[in-house]
Amino acid sequence: MEQSVLVTGGTGTLGRAVVQRLLDAAPAGARLPDGRPAVRVLSRRSRSAADDRPYDWATGDLRSGEGIDAAVTGADVVIHCATTLGRGDVEATRRLTDAVARQPDGSPHLVHVSIVGIDRIPLGYYRAKLEAERIIESSQVPWTILRATQFHDLMARIASAQRRLPVLAALAGVRFQPVDVTEVAGHLVELADGFPAGRVPDLGGPEARAHTDLTRAWLRATGRRRPPSPVRHTSPVSSTALPRTVVDG
């Protein structure tokens, strides 16, 4: 991959995996022919003094827009992995898309990761994700959007958050189709190396499993003996409302 790639949210779960895939794929020690690092990480935080990996670092804040134009400058591709809750995600995507569109030498290819089924689940978090997609789709920048199912580590975090409670709740009748974060990262890097493709096919894990089964698997893997307690969920994300694309990729 002989192009400059900016990764937003490059220190997060998905962003770190994307950065590593890019470094693995980049020729000549992850540098471009002109000597610039092929990979640039955008983060709100300053770079750690102990971080000596061969990528560039841009400090910027998508919440305020500070530093975003400078971060995007010179990039051939922007992989947007940064995310937040609610309206913040919408505004961050708008600021990034505007910065991409402002580039004087032509807009970089914007590769955006989203969530499977967001157009069918009537919750605020998913509505914000859908609005963020529409901002990109209605822009004048070249874009690709990949929707993926939940990561395995999300399932683990849900269970781990309850580890000190007397009962470990699992959603009865609800299935998930978790996917490995490195699989999503690898697919994003492949998309970044290609032409803008608009909405591409969704990416899901190899099998859909009941949340109770996933919780039991976590209990076995962590050496805990208590059984999960099935809880009937009556919100719009119950099993009766989950679109099949959420669980079947």
C-alpha atoms as a PDB file:
ATOM      1  CA  MET A   1       0.000   0.000   0.000  1.00  0.00           C
ATOM      2  CA  GLU A   2       1.912   3.032  -1.268  1.00  0.00           C
ATOM      3  CA  GLN A   3      -0.398   5.738  -0.007  1.00  0.00           C
ATOM      4  CA  SER A   4      -0.766   7.827   3.122  1.00  0.00           C
ATOM      5  CA  VAL A   5      -3.520   6.592   5.435  1.00  0.00           C
ATOM      6  CA  LEU A   6      -4.954   8.509   8.396  1.00  0.00           C
ATOM      7  CA  VAL A   7      -6.724   6.417  11.046  1.00  0.00           C
ATOM      8  CA  THR A   8      -9.117   8.274  13.335  1.00  0.00           C
ATOM      9  CA  GLY A   9      -9.591   6.638  16.708  1.00  0.00           C
ATOM     10  CA  GLY A  10      -6.256   4.961  16.122  1.00  0.00           C
ATOM     11  CA  THR A  11      -5.780   4.170  19.812  1.00  0.00           C
ATOM     12  CA  GLY A  12      -9.159   2.440  20.244  1.00  0.00           C
ATOM     13  CA  THR A  13     -10.010  -1.254  19.944  1.00  0.00           C
ATOM     14  CA  LEU A  14     -10.643  -1.225  16.194  1.00  0.00           C
ATOM     15  CA  GLY A  15      -8.239   1.612  15.431  1.00  0.00           C
ATOM     16  CA  ARG A  16      -5.269  -0.205  16.974  1.00  0.00           C
ATOM     17  CA  ALA A  17      -6.031  -3.300  14.918  1.00  0.00           C
ATOM     18  CA  VAL A  18      -6.333  -1.225  11.735  1.00  0.00           C
ATOM     19  CA  VAL A  19      -3.029   0.539  12.408  1.00  0.00           C
ATOM     20  CA  GLN A  20      -1.261  -2.778  12.946  1.00  0.00           C
ATOM     21  CA  ARG A  21      -2.689  -4.203   9.712  1.00  0.00           C
ATOM     22  CA  LEU A  22      -1.531  -1.104   7.847  1.00  0.00           C
ATOM     23  CA  LEU A  23       1.965  -1.361   9.297  1.00  0.00           C
ATOM     24  CA  ASP A  24       2.112  -5.027   8.359  1.00  0.00           C
ATOM     25  CA  ALA A  25       0.991  -4.243   4.809  1.00  0.00           C
ATOM     26  CA  ALA A  26       3.140  -1.155   4.210  1.00  0.00           C
ATOM     27  CA  PRO A  27       6.372  -1.657   2.251  1.00  0.00           C
ATOM     28  CA  ALA A  28       9.804  -0.297   3.113  1.00  0.00           C
ATOM     29  CA  GLY A  29       9.373  -0.083   6.858  1.00  0.00           C
ATOM     30  CA  ALA A  30       5.920   1.531   6.633  1.00  0.00           C
ATOM     31  CA  ARG A  31       7.274   4.569   4.772  1.00  0.00           C
ATOM     32  CA  LEU A  32       6.285   6.081   1.456  1.00  0.00           C
ATOM     33  CA  PRO A  33       8.794   6.577  -1.380  1.00  0.00           C
ATOM     34  CA  ASP A  34       9.253  10.210  -0.310  1.00  0.00           C
ATOM     35  CA  GLY A  35      10.195   9.133   3.224  1.00  0.00           C
ATOM     36  CA  ARG A  36       6.938  10.039   4.953  1.00  0.00           C
ATOM     37  CA  PRO A  37       5.347   7.479   7.262  1.00  0.00           C
ATOM     38  CA  ALA A  38       2.594   5.652   5.380  1.00  0.00           C
ATOM     39  CA  VAL A  39       0.367   5.579   8.458  1.00  0.00           C
ATOM     40  CA  ARG A  40      -0.850   8.475  10.588  1.00  0.00           C
ATOM     41  CA  VAL A  41      -2.795   8.082  13.825  1.00  0.00           C
ATOM     42  CA  LEU A  42      -5.298  10.715  14.967  1.00  0.00           C
ATOM     43  CA  SER A  43      -5.894  10.868  18.709  1.00  0.00           C
ATOM     44  CA  ARG A  44      -7.000  13.411  21.283  1.00  0.00           C
ATOM     45  CA  ARG A  45      -4.039  12.383  23.410  1.00  0.00           C
ATOM     46  CA  SER A  46      -0.389  13.197  22.946  1.00  0.00           C
ATOM     47  CA  ARG A  47       1.874  10.412  21.787  1.00  0.00           C
ATOM     48  CA  SER A  48       3.549   8.345  24.473  1.00  0.00           C
ATOM     49  CA  ALA A  49       7.311   8.779  24.672  1.00  0.00           C
ATOM     50  CA  ALA A  50       7.623   4.992  24.720  1.00  0.00           C
ATOM     51  CA  ASP A  51       5.764   4.591  21.410  1.00  0.00           C
ATOM     52  CA  ASP A  52       8.425   4.130  18.741  1.00  0.00           C
ATOM     53  CA  ARG A  53       6.379   2.392  16.051  1.00  0.00           C
ATOM     54  CA  PRO A  54       6.890   3.722  12.502  1.00  0.00           C
ATOM     55  CA  TYR A  55       3.821   5.893  12.083  1.00  0.00           C
ATOM     56  CA  ASP A  56       3.082   9.590  12.230  1.00  0.00           C
ATOM     57  CA  TRP A  57       0.951  11.064  15.012  1.00  0.00           C
ATOM     58  CA  ALA A  58      -1.633  13.827  14.788  1.00  0.00           C
ATOM     59  CA  THR A  59      -3.240  15.286  17.881  1.00  0.00           C
ATOM     60  CA  GLY A  60      -6.755  16.530  17.201  1.00  0.00           C
ATOM     61  CA  ASP A  61     -10.261  16.522  18.598  1.00  0.00           C
ATOM     62  CA  LEU A  62     -13.216  15.579  16.418  1.00  0.00           C
ATOM     63  CA  ARG A  63     -15.548  16.943  19.085  1.00  0.00           C
ATOM     64  CA  SER A  64     -14.286  20.497  18.600  1.00  0.00           C
ATOM     65  CA  GLY A  65     -12.619  20.235  15.192  1.00  0.00           C
ATOM     66  CA  GLU A  66      -9.272  21.358  16.600  1.00  0.00           C
ATOM     67  CA  GLY A  67      -6.354  19.917  14.632  1.00  0.00           C
ATOM     68  CA  ILE A  68      -8.503  17.966  12.172  1.00  0.00           C
ATOM     69  CA  ASP A  69      -7.605  19.899   9.007  1.00  0.00           C
ATOM     70  CA  ALA A  70      -3.912  19.483   9.753  1.00  0.00           C
ATOM     71  CA  ALA A  71      -4.380  15.777  10.448  1.00  0.00           C
ATOM     72  CA  VAL A  72      -6.162  15.169   7.139  1.00  0.00           C
ATOM     73  CA  THR A  73      -3.694  17.198   5.055  1.00  0.00           C
ATOM     74  CA  GLY A  74      -1.638  14.955   2.801  1.00  0.00           C
ATOM     75  CA  ALA A  75      -3.695  11.818   3.425  1.00  0.00           C
ATOM     76  CA  ASP A  76      -4.775   9.717   0.462  1.00  0.00           C
ATOM     77  CA  VAL A  77      -7.196   7.683   2.577  1.00  0.00           C
ATOM     78  CA  VAL A  78      -8.955   8.337   5.891  1.00  0.00           C
ATOM     79  CA  ILE A  79     -10.216   5.294   7.821  1.00  0.00           C
ATOM     80  CA  HIS A  80     -12.757   6.591  10.319  1.00  0.00           C
ATOM     81  CA  CYS A  81     -12.711   4.333  13.399  1.00  0.00           C
ATOM     82  CA  ALA A  82     -13.356   6.996  16.047  1.00  0.00           C
ATOM     83  CA  THR A  83     -16.738   6.761  17.717  1.00  0.00           C
ATOM     84  CA  THR A  84     -18.656   8.212  20.613  1.00  0.00           C
ATOM     85  CA  LEU A  85     -22.185   8.081  21.964  1.00  0.00           C
ATOM     86  CA  GLY A  86     -25.196   9.931  20.626  1.00  0.00           C
ATOM     87  CA  ARG A  87     -25.025  13.256  18.834  1.00  0.00           C
ATOM     88  CA  GLY A  88     -21.309  13.512  19.428  1.00  0.00           C
ATOM     89  CA  ASP A  89     -20.766  10.811  16.823  1.00  0.00           C
ATOM     90  CA  VAL A  90     -22.845  12.718  14.288  1.00  0.00           C
ATOM     91  CA  GLU A  91     -20.994  15.986  14.792  1.00  0.00           C
ATOM     92  CA  ALA A  92     -17.589  14.287  14.777  1.00  0.00           C
ATOM     93  CA  THR A  93     -18.386  12.631  11.456  1.00  0.00           C
ATOM     94  CA  ARG A  94     -19.615  15.931  10.040  1.00  0.00           C
ATOM     95  CA  ARG A  95     -16.414  17.723  11.071  1.00  0.00           C
ATOM     96  CA  LEU A  96     -14.233  15.000   9.609  1.00  0.00           C
ATOM     97  CA  THR A  97     -16.185  14.864   6.346  1.00  0.00           C
ATOM     98  CA  ASP A  98     -15.981  18.640   6.000  1.00  0.00           C
ATOM     99  CA  ALA A  99     -12.226  18.549   6.612  1.00  0.00           C
ATOM    100  CA  VAL A 100     -11.817  15.846   3.967  1.00  0.00           C
ATOM    101  CA  ALA A 101     -13.864  17.897   1.493  1.00  0.00           C
ATOM    102  CA  ARG A 102     -11.731  20.991   2.116  1.00  0.00           C
ATOM    103  CA  GLN A 103      -8.459  19.414   1.006  1.00  0.00           C
ATOM    104  CA  PRO A 104      -7.058  21.583  -1.803  1.00  0.00           C
ATOM    105  CA  ASP A 105      -5.435  18.730  -3.734  1.00  0.00           C
ATOM    106  CA  GLY A 106      -8.565  16.605  -3.907  1.00  0.00           C
ATOM    107  CA  SER A 107     -10.543  14.780  -1.283  1.00  0.00           C
ATOM    108  CA  PRO A 108      -9.047  11.638   0.248  1.00  0.00           C
ATOM    109  CA  HIS A 109     -11.015   8.394   0.115  1.00  0.00           C
ATOM    110  CA  LEU A 110     -13.083   8.248   3.323  1.00  0.00           C
ATOM    111  CA  VAL A 111     -13.593   4.701   4.641  1.00  0.00           C
ATOM    112  CA  HIS A 112     -16.180   4.576   7.413  1.00  0.00           C
ATOM    113  CA  VAL A 113     -17.105   1.678   9.689  1.00  0.00           C
ATOM    114  CA  SER A 114     -20.674   1.403  10.931  1.00  0.00           C
ATOM    115  CA  ILE A 115     -22.996  -1.193  12.492  1.00  0.00           C
ATOM    116  CA  VAL A 116     -25.199  -3.825  10.866  1.00  0.00           C
ATOM    117  CA  GLY A 117     -28.933  -3.170  11.201  1.00  0.00           C
ATOM    118  CA  ILE A 118     -28.829   0.453  12.329  1.00  0.00           C
ATOM    119  CA  ASP A 119     -31.613   1.404   9.929  1.00  0.00           C
ATOM    120  CA  ARG A 120     -33.957  -1.081  11.636  1.00  0.00           C
ATOM    121  CA  ILE A 121     -33.315  -0.565  15.354  1.00  0.00           C
ATOM    122  CA  PRO A 122     -35.170   2.470  16.796  1.00  0.00           C
ATOM    123  CA  LEU A 123     -32.691   3.418  19.505  1.00  0.00           C
ATOM    124  CA  GLY A 124     -30.849   6.727  19.766  1.00  0.00           C
ATOM    125  CA  TYR A 125     -27.359   5.239  19.482  1.00  0.00           C
ATOM    126  CA  TYR A 126     -28.198   3.486  16.214  1.00  0.00           C
ATOM    127  CA  ARG A 127     -30.090   6.463  14.849  1.00  0.00           C
ATOM    128  CA  ALA A 128     -26.985   8.580  15.397  1.00  0.00           C
ATOM    129  CA  LYS A 129     -24.902   5.996  13.539  1.00  0.00           C
ATOM    130  CA  LEU A 130     -27.354   6.087  10.653  1.00  0.00           C
ATOM    131  CA  GLU A 131     -27.282   9.876  10.540  1.00  0.00           C
ATOM    132  CA  ALA A 132     -23.486   9.782  10.469  1.00  0.00           C
ATOM    133  CA  GLU A 133     -23.664   7.470   7.454  1.00  0.00           C
ATOM    134  CA  ARG A 134     -26.034   9.845   5.688  1.00  0.00           C
ATOM    135  CA  ILE A 135     -23.677  12.771   6.233  1.00  0.00           C
ATOM    136  CA  ILE A 136     -20.979  10.877   4.366  1.00  0.00           C
ATOM    137  CA  GLU A 137     -23.324   9.607   1.657  1.00  0.00           C
ATOM    138  CA  SER A 138     -24.624  13.111   0.901  1.00  0.00           C
ATOM    139  CA  SER A 139     -21.158  14.669   0.823  1.00  0.00           C
ATOM    140  CA  GLN A 140     -18.977  15.298  -2.208  1.00  0.00           C
ATOM    141  CA  VAL A 141     -16.100  13.156  -0.931  1.00  0.00           C
ATOM    142  CA  PRO A 142     -15.255   9.701  -2.307  1.00  0.00           C
ATOM    143  CA  TRP A 143     -16.458   7.202   0.284  1.00  0.00           C
ATOM    144  CA  THR A 144     -16.857   3.588   1.311  1.00  0.00           C
ATOM    145  CA  ILE A 145     -19.020   2.409   4.224  1.00  0.00           C
ATOM    146  CA  LEU A 146     -18.680  -1.010   5.847  1.00  0.00           C
ATOM    147  CA  ARG A 147     -21.227  -2.191   8.398  1.00  0.00           C
ATOM    148  CA  ALA A 148     -20.036  -4.866  10.839  1.00  0.00           C
ATOM    149  CA  THR A 149     -21.654  -6.830  13.642  1.00  0.00           C
ATOM    150  CA  GLN A 150     -20.547  -6.596  17.280  1.00  0.00           C
ATOM    151  CA  PHE A 151     -16.975  -7.456  18.260  1.00  0.00           C
ATOM    152  CA  HIS A 152     -16.196 -10.414  20.524  1.00  0.00           C
ATOM    153  CA  ASP A 153     -14.688  -8.046  23.080  1.00  0.00           C
ATOM    154  CA  LEU A 154     -18.056  -6.269  23.437  1.00  0.00           C
ATOM    155  CA  MET A 155     -19.638  -9.548  24.508  1.00  0.00           C
ATOM    156  CA  ALA A 156     -16.818 -10.022  27.010  1.00  0.00           C
ATOM    157  CA  ARG A 157     -17.192  -6.484  28.364  1.00  0.00           C
ATOM    158  CA  ILE A 158     -20.936  -6.965  28.895  1.00  0.00           C
ATOM    159  CA  ALA A 159     -20.252 -10.074  30.958  1.00  0.00           C
ATOM    160  CA  SER A 160     -17.223  -8.657  32.758  1.00  0.00           C
ATOM    161  CA  ALA A 161     -19.182  -5.593  33.874  1.00  0.00           C
ATOM    162  CA  GLN A 162     -21.418  -7.941  35.882  1.00  0.00           C
ATOM    163  CA  ARG A 163     -18.678 -10.102  37.368  1.00  0.00           C
ATOM    164  CA  ARG A 164     -19.187  -8.828  40.928  1.00  0.00           C
ATOM    165  CA  LEU A 165     -22.975  -9.005  40.840  1.00  0.00           C
ATOM    166  CA  PRO A 166     -24.776 -11.946  42.459  1.00  0.00           C
ATOM    167  CA  VAL A 167     -26.497 -12.763  39.155  1.00  0.00           C
ATOM    168  CA  LEU A 168     -24.988 -12.700  35.673  1.00  0.00           C
ATOM    169  CA  ALA A 169     -27.799 -11.623  33.364  1.00  0.00           C
ATOM    170  CA  ALA A 170     -28.073 -12.706  29.737  1.00  0.00           C
ATOM    171  CA  LEU A 171     -30.733 -11.609  27.263  1.00  0.00           C
ATOM    172  CA  ALA A 172     -33.156 -14.469  26.704  1.00  0.00           C
ATOM    173  CA  GLY A 173     -34.159 -15.053  23.096  1.00  0.00           C
ATOM    174  CA  VAL A 174     -31.565 -12.630  21.697  1.00  0.00           C
ATOM    175  CA  ARG A 175     -28.809 -13.756  19.344  1.00  0.00           C
ATOM    176  CA  PHE A 176     -25.573 -12.048  18.400  1.00  0.00           C
ATOM    177  CA  GLN A 177     -23.164 -12.777  15.587  1.00  0.00           C
ATOM    178  CA  PRO A 178     -19.897 -11.403  16.965  1.00  0.00           C
ATOM    179  CA  VAL A 179     -16.927 -10.916  14.679  1.00  0.00           C
ATOM    180  CA  ASP A 180     -13.231 -10.757  15.481  1.00  0.00           C
ATOM    181  CA  VAL A 181     -11.967  -7.185  15.454  1.00  0.00           C
ATOM    182  CA  THR A 182      -8.908  -8.184  13.411  1.00  0.00           C
ATOM    183  CA  GLU A 183     -11.201  -9.483  10.652  1.00  0.00           C
ATOM    184  CA  VAL A 184     -12.939  -6.117  10.463  1.00  0.00           C
ATOM    185  CA  ALA A 185      -9.594  -4.307  10.539  1.00  0.00           C
ATOM    186  CA  GLY A 186      -8.247  -6.425   7.703  1.00  0.00           C
ATOM    187  CA  HIS A 187     -11.325  -5.792   5.586  1.00  0.00           C
ATOM    188  CA  LEU A 188     -11.105  -2.037   6.181  1.00  0.00           C
ATOM    189  CA  VAL A 189      -7.476  -2.049   5.047  1.00  0.00           C
ATOM    190  CA  GLU A 190      -8.457  -3.946   1.888  1.00  0.00           C
ATOM    191  CA  LEU A 191     -11.193  -1.405   1.196  1.00  0.00           C
ATOM    192  CA  ALA A 192      -8.774   1.463   1.807  1.00  0.00           C
ATOM    193  CA  ASP A 193      -6.451   0.001  -0.819  1.00  0.00           C
ATOM    194  CA  GLY A 194      -9.224  -0.014  -3.417  1.00  0.00           C
ATOM    195  CA  PHE A 195     -11.448   2.496  -5.122  1.00  0.00           C
ATOM    196  CA  PRO A 196     -14.357   4.184  -3.301  1.00  0.00           C
ATOM    197  CA  ALA A 197     -17.178   1.649  -3.364  1.00  0.00           C
ATOM    198  CA  GLY A 198     -20.128   3.233  -1.529  1.00  0.00           C
ATOM    199  CA  ARG A 199     -21.995   0.787   0.724  1.00  0.00           C
ATOM    200  CA  VAL A 200     -20.233  -2.560   0.628  1.00  0.00           C
ATOM    201  CA  PRO A 201     -21.666  -5.894   1.868  1.00  0.00           C
ATOM    202  CA  ASP A 202     -22.038  -6.201   5.628  1.00  0.00           C
ATOM    203  CA  LEU A 203     -19.470  -8.165   7.616  1.00  0.00           C
ATOM    204  CA  GLY A 204     -20.502 -10.532  10.408  1.00  0.00           C
ATOM    205  CA  GLY A 205     -19.002 -13.339  12.408  1.00  0.00           C
ATOM    206  CA  PRO A 206     -19.164 -16.994  11.316  1.00  0.00           C
ATOM    207  CA  GLU A 207     -22.117 -17.977  13.506  1.00  0.00           C
ATOM    208  CA  ALA A 208     -25.074 -16.500  15.340  1.00  0.00           C
ATOM    209  CA  ARG A 209     -25.365 -17.615  18.955  1.00  0.00           C
ATOM    210  CA  ALA A 210     -27.791 -16.915  21.760  1.00  0.00           C
ATOM    211  CA  HIS A 211     -26.602 -14.378  24.294  1.00  0.00           C
ATOM    212  CA  THR A 212     -27.039 -17.026  26.996  1.00  0.00           C
ATOM    213  CA  ASP A 213     -24.633 -19.329  25.107  1.00  0.00           C
ATOM    214  CA  LEU A 214     -22.079 -16.561  24.664  1.00  0.00           C
ATOM    215  CA  THR A 215     -22.314 -15.761  28.365  1.00  0.00           C
ATOM    216  CA  ARG A 216     -21.739 -19.419  29.267  1.00  0.00           C
ATOM    217  CA  ALA A 217     -18.685 -19.469  26.998  1.00  0.00           C
ATOM    218  CA  TRP A 218     -17.289 -16.410  28.790  1.00  0.00           C
ATOM    219  CA  LEU A 219     -17.902 -18.039  32.176  1.00  0.00           C
ATOM    220  CA  ARG A 220     -16.033 -21.169  31.094  1.00  0.00           C
ATOM    221  CA  ALA A 221     -13.154 -19.181  29.621  1.00  0.00           C
ATOM    222  CA  THR A 222     -12.725 -17.144  32.813  1.00  0.00           C
ATOM    223  CA  GLY A 223     -13.110 -20.081  35.201  1.00  0.00           C
ATOM    224  CA  ARG A 224     -16.338 -18.897  36.773  1.00  0.00           C
ATOM    225  CA  ARG A 225     -18.896 -21.489  37.794  1.00  0.00           C
ATOM    226  CA  ARG A 226     -22.191 -19.645  38.243  1.00  0.00           C
ATOM    227  CA  PRO A 227     -24.773 -20.094  35.481  1.00  0.00           C
ATOM    228  CA  PRO A 228     -26.176 -17.134  33.542  1.00  0.00           C
ATOM    229  CA  SER A 229     -29.635 -15.892  34.469  1.00  0.00           C
ATOM    230  CA  PRO A 230     -31.808 -15.390  31.356  1.00  0.00           C
ATOM    231  CA  VAL A 231     -33.612 -12.043  31.401  1.00  0.00           C
ATOM    232  CA  ARG A 232     -36.445 -11.232  29.042  1.00  0.00           C
ATOM    233  CA  HIS A 233     -35.739  -7.930  27.305  1.00  0.00           C
ATOM    234  CA  THR A 234     -38.785  -5.852  26.387  1.00  0.00           C
ATOM    235  CA  SER A 235     -37.061  -2.927  24.652  1.00  0.00           C
ATOM    236  CA  PRO A 236     -37.036  -2.477  20.852  1.00  0.00           C
ATOM    237  CA  VAL A 237     -33.886  -4.614  20.657  1.00  0.00           C
ATOM    238  CA  SER A 238     -35.590  -7.755  21.930  1.00  0.00           C
ATOM    239  CA  SER A 239     -35.432 -10.887  19.819  1.00  0.00           C
ATOM    240  CA  THR A 240     -38.766 -10.069  18.204  1.00  0.00           C
ATOM    241  CA  ALA A 241     -37.447  -6.770  16.867  1.00  0.00           C
ATOM    242  CA  LEU A 242     -33.866  -7.644  15.959  1.00  0.00           C
ATOM    243  CA  PRO A 243     -33.460  -7.638  12.184  1.00  0.00           C
ATOM    244  CA  ARG A 244     -32.006 -10.855  10.797  1.00  0.00           C
ATOM    245  CA  THR A 245     -29.153  -8.874   9.271  1.00  0.00           C
ATOM    246  CA  VAL A 246     -27.937  -8.027  12.769  1.00  0.00           C
ATOM    247  CA  VAL A 247     -27.435 -11.663  13.613  1.00  0.00           C
ATOM    248  CA  ASP A 248     -26.921 -13.197  10.190  1.00  0.00           C
ATOM    249  CA  GLY A 249     -24.472 -10.654   8.774  1.00  0.00           C
END
